[in-house]
Amino acid sequence: MDQRQHRPPNPNFSRHQSTTYRRNRDESRGGHFQPKRFRCENQHHQAGSSAGPTPTAPQTLGTRRQLYERDFPLYKQPVELGHFSLDSQRRFFNDARQLRYYKEPEKSPNFDLRDGYKDRFVKRDDGVKEKLDHILKWILLNRAKVQSKGTAASSPCDLEVDFVTWRGHLTKLLTTPYETREGWLLAISRLGGTLYISEVETEAARTDRENRAESHEEMMYWGYKFEQYTCADDIHSLPDPAGVVNTNEAFCTVVQTRLAKHRLLFSGEVDCRDKDPKTQSAPACYIELKTSGEICTPKQRSNFHRFKLLKWWAQSFLPGVPRIVAGFRDQEGVVVSVETYHISKISQLIKNENNCWKPTVCMNFCSDFLSFVKSVVREDNPRVVYLFSRDPHKDVTFTIHRDLHYSFLPDWYVRELTKTHPHAQPQF
């Protein structure tokens, strides 16, 4: 299949440099975070328009990385609009009760990540698919923060953003040109001019989840245990490694930004924030926590740079989280060293690796995918789902579904969003 059939022209993006979040010049020519709020662009399509793509819309999107070797696209500095918490029973709260505070460990802390796995671990049921429900609850409770002040919305359900999704779904898009093993399915519907993106579990992913080895399950626990060793419940307390690890609990940031011409609203889980009250406001105060195997050979270091750092960078770059603290563990699950990675310096760290990933390719693919979606998803109807699919080494394709199998926007959200009086108290 011709990989060249969809490559939108490169727009003349603004070159103004952000004073608060600068990209490395080697990777960010022509695209920078910009702190100014963007103005609303009226690109909405009215309900009742054609269900299918326009005649000139491409039917596939190429994924070869060579297609995206061009200037870094404009990416405005993410602004946190709000946050929410999920408690030990996965209940939603429109507050920061689950936010934790980072306590810097020793360089060689000897944390035993296996501790508590058998007797102090409550695991979230990852077979339950929450879709976008938590983000949608936040939107209904905070519509005044989403809609521009002084700008009259064209309808009650006009959020004045182009896309609503999870940060994790965008992370998968950023890494797509370099992903050779896993595919993805993204369900997309249009409501009030806004495109909602929700992931659908692939058959391969479901099989892997249902057949995980016990050793794999325990290694997944290790990451949460590292968080317990390094996070305190409040600014005055210390971490409690003797407590229960409950993966139902979460604190999530909600940010607004713009990639090229695409206005984005997305949410992502945040591990903790800097304990120092003098640090910058969110999201600059947030810290991502990771664990990885101890690096002992040049080959291991190269693989770490080429594969793991790609996903770490994408995950933190999108919401504007400035640093990652990584605990490196031995084969017995004991953290033997801790390193800090600044997102702004990762491109320099990997630049000498042969055939390594490039941030500009990641961001350009994501931008082009969003343009592709806009050209395809025309009908403003929450019950019509456009399913975008990508298998390793293949182009992105799509199918259109009018049954309820892939429908993901709940009735309570559609009903509340389309109310004539949008400021009334929502009923979930």
Protein backbone atom coordinates (compact mmCIF):
# COMPACT_ATOMS: atom_id res chain seq x y z
CA MET A 1 0.00 0.00 0.00
CA ASP A 2 1.28 3.42 -0.91
CA GLN A 3 2.68 4.95 2.29
CA ARG A 4 2.93 8.42 0.76
CA GLN A 5 -0.73 9.08 0.09
CA HIS A 6 -1.33 11.14 3.26
CA ARG A 7 1.26 13.71 4.20
CA PRO A 8 -0.35 17.06 4.99
CA PRO A 9 1.66 20.13 4.11
CA ASN A 10 3.76 21.64 6.84
CA PRO A 11 1.96 24.82 8.08
CA ASN A 12 3.87 27.99 8.86
CA PHE A 13 3.84 27.52 12.60
CA SER A 14 4.78 30.35 14.94
CA ARG A 15 8.39 30.37 16.10
CA HIS A 16 7.96 32.24 19.39
CA GLN A 17 10.11 30.66 22.10
CA SER A 18 8.52 29.83 25.46
CA THR A 19 10.37 31.29 28.40
CA THR A 20 9.15 28.59 30.75
CA TYR A 21 9.66 25.36 28.85
CA ARG A 22 12.37 25.30 26.17
CA ARG A 23 12.96 22.46 23.77
CA ASN A 24 16.47 21.37 22.86
CA ARG A 25 17.39 23.12 19.61
CA ASP A 26 18.54 19.89 17.95
CA GLU A 27 15.03 18.44 18.12
CA SER A 28 12.68 21.40 18.31
CA ARG A 29 13.43 23.58 15.31
CA GLY A 30 10.19 25.29 14.36
CA GLY A 31 8.12 24.01 17.30
CA HIS A 32 8.08 25.13 20.91
CA PHE A 33 5.86 25.17 23.92
CA GLN A 34 4.08 28.53 23.96
CA PRO A 35 2.41 29.87 27.08
CA LYS A 36 -0.26 32.04 25.49
CA ARG A 37 -3.82 30.78 25.34
CA PHE A 38 -4.98 29.95 21.85
CA ARG A 39 -8.15 31.37 20.37
CA CYS A 40 -11.11 29.24 19.47
CA GLU A 41 -11.26 28.09 15.85
CA ASN A 42 -14.70 27.29 14.51
CA GLN A 43 -14.08 23.95 12.81
CA HIS A 44 -17.16 22.16 14.09
CA HIS A 45 -19.39 20.07 11.84
CA GLN A 46 -23.13 20.16 12.33
CA ALA A 47 -25.10 17.08 13.30
CA GLY A 48 -26.65 15.34 10.35
CA SER A 49 -23.70 15.77 8.04
CA SER A 50 -22.42 12.90 5.94
CA ALA A 51 -21.56 9.76 7.92
CA GLY A 52 -18.59 8.85 5.80
CA PRO A 53 -15.36 10.61 4.92
CA THR A 54 -15.37 13.35 2.35
CA PRO A 55 -14.53 12.18 -1.20
CA THR A 56 -11.03 13.64 -0.96
CA ALA A 57 -10.28 12.20 2.50
CA PRO A 58 -7.47 9.59 2.51
CA GLN A 59 -8.42 6.04 3.45
CA THR A 60 -5.17 5.18 5.25
CA LEU A 61 -2.35 6.94 7.09
CA GLY A 62 1.24 5.79 6.63
CA THR A 63 3.33 5.06 9.72
CA ARG A 64 6.85 4.91 8.29
CA ARG A 65 9.01 7.22 10.36
CA GLN A 66 10.61 8.74 7.24
CA LEU A 67 7.28 10.43 6.45
CA TYR A 68 7.55 12.54 9.59
CA GLU A 69 11.13 13.77 9.36
CA ARG A 70 10.41 17.47 9.31
CA ASP A 71 10.41 20.45 11.67
CA PHE A 72 9.07 19.95 15.17
CA PRO A 73 5.40 21.05 15.20
CA LEU A 74 4.12 23.83 17.43
CA TYR A 75 3.18 22.43 20.83
CA LYS A 76 1.88 24.94 23.34
CA GLN A 77 2.95 24.71 26.93
CA PRO A 78 0.33 22.54 28.67
CA VAL A 79 -1.86 24.38 31.18
CA GLU A 80 -3.46 22.48 34.04
CA LEU A 81 -7.19 23.25 34.11
CA GLY A 82 -7.89 21.02 37.09
CA HIS A 83 -7.48 17.59 38.61
CA PHE A 84 -9.43 14.76 40.20
CA SER A 85 -8.88 11.78 42.48
CA LEU A 86 -9.93 8.13 42.48
CA ASP A 87 -10.07 6.44 45.88
CA SER A 88 -9.38 2.88 47.03
CA GLN A 89 -12.73 1.79 45.57
CA ARG A 90 -12.22 3.71 42.33
CA ARG A 91 -14.75 6.38 43.28
CA PHE A 92 -14.41 9.79 41.62
CA PHE A 93 -13.71 12.97 43.61
CA ASN A 94 -13.32 16.41 42.09
CA ASP A 95 -10.35 17.27 44.30
CA ALA A 96 -6.68 16.50 45.06
CA ARG A 97 -7.12 14.09 47.98
CA GLN A 98 -4.95 11.44 46.30
CA LEU A 99 -2.03 13.75 45.47
CA ARG A 100 1.19 12.55 47.09
CA TYR A 101 4.50 14.25 47.83
CA TYR A 102 7.94 13.10 46.74
CA LYS A 103 10.59 12.30 49.35
CA GLU A 104 13.99 11.96 47.72
CA PRO A 105 15.63 8.63 48.64
CA GLU A 106 19.31 7.87 49.08
CA LYS A 107 21.34 7.18 45.94
CA SER A 108 21.55 3.46 46.83
CA PRO A 109 18.38 2.89 48.86
CA ASN A 110 18.12 -0.94 48.74
CA PHE A 111 14.33 -0.85 48.53
CA ASP A 112 12.86 -4.36 48.44
CA LEU A 113 10.15 -4.12 45.79
CA ARG A 114 8.85 -7.62 46.57
CA ASP A 115 7.76 -6.62 50.06
CA GLY A 116 3.99 -6.75 50.52
CA TYR A 117 3.15 -8.42 47.21
CA LYS A 118 1.58 -11.48 48.88
CA ASP A 119 -0.18 -9.83 51.80
CA ARG A 120 -0.51 -6.04 51.34
CA PHE A 121 -1.59 -5.60 47.73
CA VAL A 122 -5.02 -4.63 46.39
CA LYS A 123 -4.94 -4.88 42.60
CA ARG A 124 -7.28 -2.96 40.38
CA ASP A 125 -9.38 -5.15 38.08
CA ASP A 126 -7.87 -4.30 34.70
CA GLY A 127 -10.59 -6.31 32.99
CA VAL A 128 -13.02 -3.48 33.79
CA LYS A 129 -12.79 -0.90 31.02
CA GLU A 130 -13.61 2.59 32.30
CA LYS A 131 -13.23 4.22 28.89
CA LEU A 132 -13.41 8.03 29.25
CA ASP A 133 -15.89 8.05 32.13
CA HIS A 134 -13.71 9.77 34.74
CA ILE A 135 -12.63 12.54 32.36
CA LEU A 136 -16.24 13.06 31.31
CA LYS A 137 -17.32 13.46 34.93
CA TRP A 138 -14.64 16.08 35.43
CA ILE A 139 -15.76 17.96 32.29
CA LEU A 140 -19.38 18.12 33.45
CA LEU A 141 -18.30 19.49 36.84
CA ASN A 142 -15.83 22.01 35.37
CA ARG A 143 -17.28 23.24 32.09
CA ALA A 144 -16.60 26.87 32.99
CA LYS A 145 -12.87 26.05 33.09
CA VAL A 146 -12.95 24.43 29.65
CA GLN A 147 -15.02 26.99 27.77
CA SER A 148 -13.32 30.32 27.07
CA LYS A 149 -14.49 33.20 29.22
CA GLY A 150 -16.31 35.84 27.24
CA THR A 151 -16.76 33.52 24.25
CA ALA A 152 -20.30 32.50 23.44
CA ALA A 153 -20.51 28.80 22.70
CA SER A 154 -22.46 27.92 19.57
CA SER A 155 -24.37 25.24 21.50
CA PRO A 156 -24.55 23.88 25.07
CA CYS A 157 -22.25 20.96 24.17
CA ASP A 158 -19.59 23.11 22.52
CA LEU A 159 -16.44 22.58 24.63
CA GLU A 160 -14.24 24.66 22.31
CA VAL A 161 -11.64 21.88 22.08
CA ASP A 162 -11.01 19.52 19.19
CA PHE A 163 -10.07 16.36 21.09
CA VAL A 164 -10.78 14.84 24.50
CA THR A 165 -8.85 11.74 25.55
CA TRP A 166 -6.47 10.11 28.01
CA ARG A 167 -2.78 10.96 27.98
CA GLY A 168 -2.02 7.25 27.56
CA HIS A 169 -3.84 7.13 24.20
CA LEU A 170 -1.76 10.05 22.92
CA THR A 171 1.40 8.33 24.20
CA LYS A 172 0.59 5.34 21.98
CA LEU A 173 0.25 7.67 19.02
CA LEU A 174 3.60 9.33 19.69
CA THR A 175 5.41 5.99 19.83
CA THR A 176 3.64 4.43 16.82
CA PRO A 177 6.39 5.07 14.20
CA TYR A 178 8.80 3.09 16.38
CA GLU A 179 6.46 0.40 17.73
CA THR A 180 7.12 -2.96 16.04
CA ARG A 181 5.36 -5.40 18.38
CA GLU A 182 2.02 -4.02 19.56
CA GLY A 183 -0.90 -2.64 17.61
CA TRP A 184 -3.81 -0.52 18.81
CA LEU A 185 -7.50 0.22 18.30
CA LEU A 186 -8.93 3.68 18.95
CA ALA A 187 -12.67 4.35 18.95
CA ILE A 188 -13.58 7.94 18.03
CA SER A 189 -16.94 9.74 18.10
CA ARG A 190 -17.88 13.36 17.47
CA LEU A 191 -20.24 15.25 19.79
CA GLY A 192 -20.82 19.00 19.62
CA GLY A 193 -17.85 19.38 17.31
CA THR A 194 -15.43 17.71 19.75
CA LEU A 195 -13.79 14.40 18.90
CA TYR A 196 -13.56 11.90 21.76
CA ILE A 197 -10.86 9.21 21.60
CA SER A 198 -11.19 6.02 23.64
CA GLU A 199 -9.04 2.91 23.39
CA VAL A 200 -10.42 -0.52 22.57
CA GLU A 201 -8.47 -3.53 23.82
CA THR A 202 -7.06 -5.56 20.94
CA GLU A 203 -7.49 -9.30 20.85
CA ALA A 204 -3.73 -9.77 21.29
CA ALA A 205 -3.69 -7.46 24.33
CA ARG A 206 -6.64 -9.28 25.89
CA THR A 207 -4.94 -12.64 25.41
CA ASP A 208 -1.73 -11.35 26.97
CA ARG A 209 -3.62 -9.88 29.94
CA GLU A 210 -5.54 -13.07 30.61
CA ASN A 211 -2.43 -15.25 30.37
CA ARG A 212 0.15 -13.23 32.28
CA ALA A 213 2.69 -15.26 34.21
CA GLU A 214 2.80 -14.73 37.96
CA SER A 215 6.32 -13.35 37.64
CA HIS A 216 5.03 -10.69 35.24
CA GLU A 217 2.23 -9.75 37.64
CA GLU A 218 4.77 -9.31 40.44
CA MET A 219 7.06 -7.15 38.31
CA MET A 220 4.10 -4.87 37.56
CA TYR A 221 3.62 -4.53 41.32
CA TRP A 222 7.24 -3.42 41.74
CA GLY A 223 6.57 -0.08 40.09
CA TYR A 224 3.75 0.72 42.52
CA LYS A 225 5.89 -0.41 45.45
CA PHE A 226 8.66 2.01 44.41
CA GLU A 227 6.09 4.80 44.56
CA GLN A 228 5.19 3.75 48.09
CA TYR A 229 8.84 3.96 49.16
CA THR A 230 9.23 7.48 47.76
CA CYS A 231 5.85 9.20 48.31
CA ALA A 232 4.21 10.67 51.40
CA ASP A 233 0.53 11.45 51.92
CA ASP A 234 1.14 15.09 52.79
CA ILE A 235 3.92 17.64 52.88
CA HIS A 236 4.73 17.02 56.56
CA SER A 237 4.75 13.20 56.65
CA LEU A 238 7.16 10.49 55.48
CA PRO A 239 6.58 7.53 53.12
CA ASP A 240 5.03 4.44 54.74
CA PRO A 241 6.42 1.32 53.03
CA ALA A 242 4.59 -0.89 55.55
CA GLY A 243 1.20 0.17 54.22
CA VAL A 244 -1.07 -1.41 51.60
CA VAL A 245 -0.43 -0.87 47.89
CA ASN A 246 -3.83 -0.24 46.29
CA THR A 247 -3.70 0.37 42.54
CA ASN A 248 -7.29 1.62 42.46
CA GLU A 249 -6.09 4.91 43.92
CA ALA A 250 -5.02 7.66 41.55
CA PHE A 251 -4.50 11.39 41.22
CA CYS A 252 -5.05 12.74 37.71
CA THR A 253 -4.21 16.07 36.15
CA VAL A 254 -6.39 17.59 33.41
CA VAL A 255 -4.48 19.73 30.94
CA GLN A 256 -5.25 21.81 27.89
CA THR A 257 -2.77 22.42 25.09
CA ARG A 258 -2.48 22.66 21.33
CA LEU A 259 -0.53 20.52 18.87
CA ALA A 260 -0.23 22.34 15.53
CA LYS A 261 -3.87 23.30 14.80
CA HIS A 262 -5.39 20.70 17.15
CA ARG A 263 -6.79 21.88 20.49
CA LEU A 264 -6.39 19.11 23.06
CA LEU A 265 -7.93 18.38 26.44
CA PHE A 266 -6.60 15.26 28.12
CA SER A 267 -6.03 13.71 31.51
CA GLY A 268 -3.26 11.54 32.87
CA GLU A 269 -2.32 9.98 36.19
CA VAL A 270 0.39 11.79 38.17
CA ASP A 271 2.60 9.90 40.62
CA CYS A 272 3.50 12.78 42.93
CA ARG A 273 4.58 16.40 43.21
CA ASP A 274 7.71 18.10 44.53
CA LYS A 275 7.57 18.53 48.30
CA ASP A 276 9.19 21.97 48.17
CA PRO A 277 6.42 24.62 48.32
CA LYS A 278 8.67 27.02 46.39
CA THR A 279 8.58 24.90 43.23
CA GLN A 280 6.58 26.00 40.21
CA SER A 281 2.85 25.41 39.96
CA ALA A 282 1.35 22.39 38.21
CA PRO A 283 2.22 20.71 35.93
CA ALA A 284 5.84 21.85 36.41
CA CYS A 285 5.87 20.59 40.01
CA TYR A 286 4.90 17.02 39.08
CA ILE A 287 7.30 14.06 39.05
CA GLU A 288 6.95 10.74 37.23
CA LEU A 289 8.31 7.65 39.04
CA LYS A 290 9.62 4.62 37.15
CA THR A 291 11.54 1.40 37.75
CA SER A 292 13.81 -0.46 35.36
CA GLY A 293 16.33 -3.26 35.36
CA GLU A 294 19.86 -2.42 36.43
CA ILE A 295 22.06 -1.37 33.49
CA CYS A 296 25.31 -3.34 33.49
CA THR A 297 26.43 -3.49 29.85
CA PRO A 298 26.63 -1.08 26.87
CA LYS A 299 23.99 -3.17 25.09
CA GLN A 300 21.58 -2.79 28.00
CA ARG A 301 22.18 0.96 28.07
CA SER A 302 21.55 1.23 24.34
CA ASN A 303 18.29 -0.72 24.64
CA PHE A 304 17.24 1.47 27.56
CA HIS A 305 17.82 4.60 25.48
CA ARG A 306 16.14 3.25 22.36
CA PHE A 307 13.04 1.64 23.83
CA LYS A 308 12.25 2.48 27.44
CA LEU A 309 13.21 6.16 27.29
CA LEU A 310 10.94 6.62 24.28
CA LYS A 311 7.82 5.71 26.26
CA TRP A 312 9.01 7.54 29.37
CA TRP A 313 9.67 10.71 27.36
CA ALA A 314 6.35 10.61 25.51
CA GLN A 315 4.34 10.03 28.67
CA SER A 316 5.87 12.97 30.55
CA PHE A 317 6.39 15.39 27.65
CA LEU A 318 2.69 15.49 26.74
CA PRO A 319 1.37 16.95 30.04
CA GLY A 320 4.50 19.01 30.70
CA VAL A 321 5.89 16.92 33.58
CA PRO A 322 9.55 18.04 33.71
CA ARG A 323 11.36 15.12 35.32
CA ILE A 324 11.38 11.38 35.86
CA VAL A 325 12.91 9.66 38.90
CA ALA A 326 13.92 6.10 38.05
CA GLY A 327 14.77 3.32 40.46
CA PHE A 328 17.10 0.71 38.94
CA ARG A 329 16.62 -2.76 40.42
CA ASP A 330 18.60 -5.98 40.43
CA GLN A 331 17.17 -9.36 39.41
CA GLU A 332 15.83 -9.92 42.93
CA GLY A 333 13.70 -6.76 42.81
CA VAL A 334 15.91 -4.63 45.05
CA VAL A 335 16.45 -0.98 44.02
CA VAL A 336 20.21 -0.45 43.96
CA SER A 337 20.37 3.05 42.46
CA VAL A 338 18.17 6.07 41.69
CA GLU A 339 18.60 8.49 38.77
CA THR A 340 16.75 11.63 37.70
CA TYR A 341 16.00 12.31 34.03
CA HIS A 342 15.02 15.80 32.91
CA ILE A 343 12.63 15.63 29.96
CA SER A 344 14.27 18.61 28.27
CA LYS A 345 17.62 16.78 28.19
CA ILE A 346 16.55 13.34 26.98
CA SER A 347 16.99 14.20 23.29
CA GLN A 348 20.64 15.00 24.02
CA LEU A 349 21.04 11.74 25.92
CA ILE A 350 19.94 9.61 22.96
CA LYS A 351 21.42 11.60 20.07
CA ASN A 352 24.50 9.35 19.68
CA GLU A 353 22.49 6.12 19.52
CA ASN A 354 22.34 4.52 16.08
CA ASN A 355 18.88 4.33 14.51
CA CYS A 356 17.29 5.83 17.61
CA TRP A 357 13.92 7.50 17.96
CA LYS A 358 13.37 11.20 17.33
CA PRO A 359 10.91 13.43 19.22
CA THR A 360 10.09 15.34 16.02
CA VAL A 361 8.93 12.13 14.29
CA CYS A 362 6.73 11.24 17.26
CA MET A 363 5.03 14.62 17.42
CA ASN A 364 4.57 14.97 13.67
CA PHE A 365 2.93 11.56 13.43
CA CYS A 366 0.55 12.43 16.25
CA SER A 367 -0.34 15.73 14.59
CA ASP A 368 -0.91 14.06 11.22
CA PHE A 369 -3.04 11.35 12.81
CA LEU A 370 -5.28 13.99 14.39
CA SER A 371 -5.60 15.72 11.00
CA PHE A 372 -6.46 12.34 9.45
CA VAL A 373 -9.16 11.81 12.08
CA LYS A 374 -10.67 15.23 11.40
CA SER A 375 -10.87 14.45 7.69
CA VAL A 376 -12.60 11.13 8.33
CA VAL A 377 -14.92 11.61 11.33
CA ARG A 378 -17.61 13.86 9.91
CA GLU A 379 -20.91 12.84 11.49
CA ASP A 380 -21.68 14.59 14.79
CA ASN A 381 -23.37 11.67 16.50
CA PRO A 382 -22.21 9.98 19.74
CA ARG A 383 -23.67 6.67 18.60
CA VAL A 384 -21.54 6.54 15.45
CA VAL A 385 -18.08 5.17 16.18
CA TYR A 386 -15.13 5.38 13.83
CA LEU A 387 -12.68 2.62 14.75
CA PHE A 388 -9.07 3.37 13.82
CA SER A 389 -6.73 0.40 13.70
CA ARG A 390 -2.99 -0.01 13.45
CA ASP A 391 -1.05 -3.29 13.33
CA PRO A 392 2.76 -3.37 13.55
CA HIS A 393 4.49 -2.48 10.26
CA LYS A 394 1.15 -1.49 8.67
CA ASP A 395 -0.74 1.71 7.88
CA VAL A 396 -3.55 3.14 10.00
CA THR A 397 -6.98 2.14 8.65
CA PHE A 398 -10.54 2.74 9.87
CA THR A 399 -14.04 1.28 9.86
CA ILE A 400 -17.39 2.90 10.72
CA HIS A 401 -19.83 1.32 13.20
CA ARG A 402 -23.45 2.25 13.87
CA ASP A 403 -24.25 -0.47 16.38
CA LEU A 404 -23.70 -0.13 20.14
CA HIS A 405 -20.79 -2.55 20.34
CA TYR A 406 -18.10 0.12 20.21
CA SER A 407 -20.17 3.03 21.57
CA PHE A 408 -18.37 4.59 24.56
CA LEU A 409 -19.94 8.00 25.32
CA PRO A 410 -22.42 7.21 28.13
CA ASP A 411 -26.02 8.41 28.02
CA TRP A 412 -25.58 10.42 31.23
CA TYR A 413 -22.79 12.44 29.63
CA VAL A 414 -24.60 13.09 26.35
CA ARG A 415 -27.76 14.06 28.24
CA GLU A 416 -25.98 16.47 30.62
CA LEU A 417 -23.75 18.00 27.95
CA THR A 418 -26.68 18.83 25.68
CA LYS A 419 -28.80 20.43 28.40
CA THR A 420 -30.14 23.90 27.61
CA HIS A 421 -28.82 25.10 30.99
CA PRO A 422 -25.26 23.75 31.10
CA HIS A 423 -24.46 25.20 34.55
CA ALA A 424 -27.06 23.09 36.32
CA GLN A 425 -25.66 20.48 38.73
CA PRO A 426 -24.86 17.36 36.67
CA GLN A 427 -26.47 14.02 37.50
CA PHE A 428 -24.22 11.03 36.77
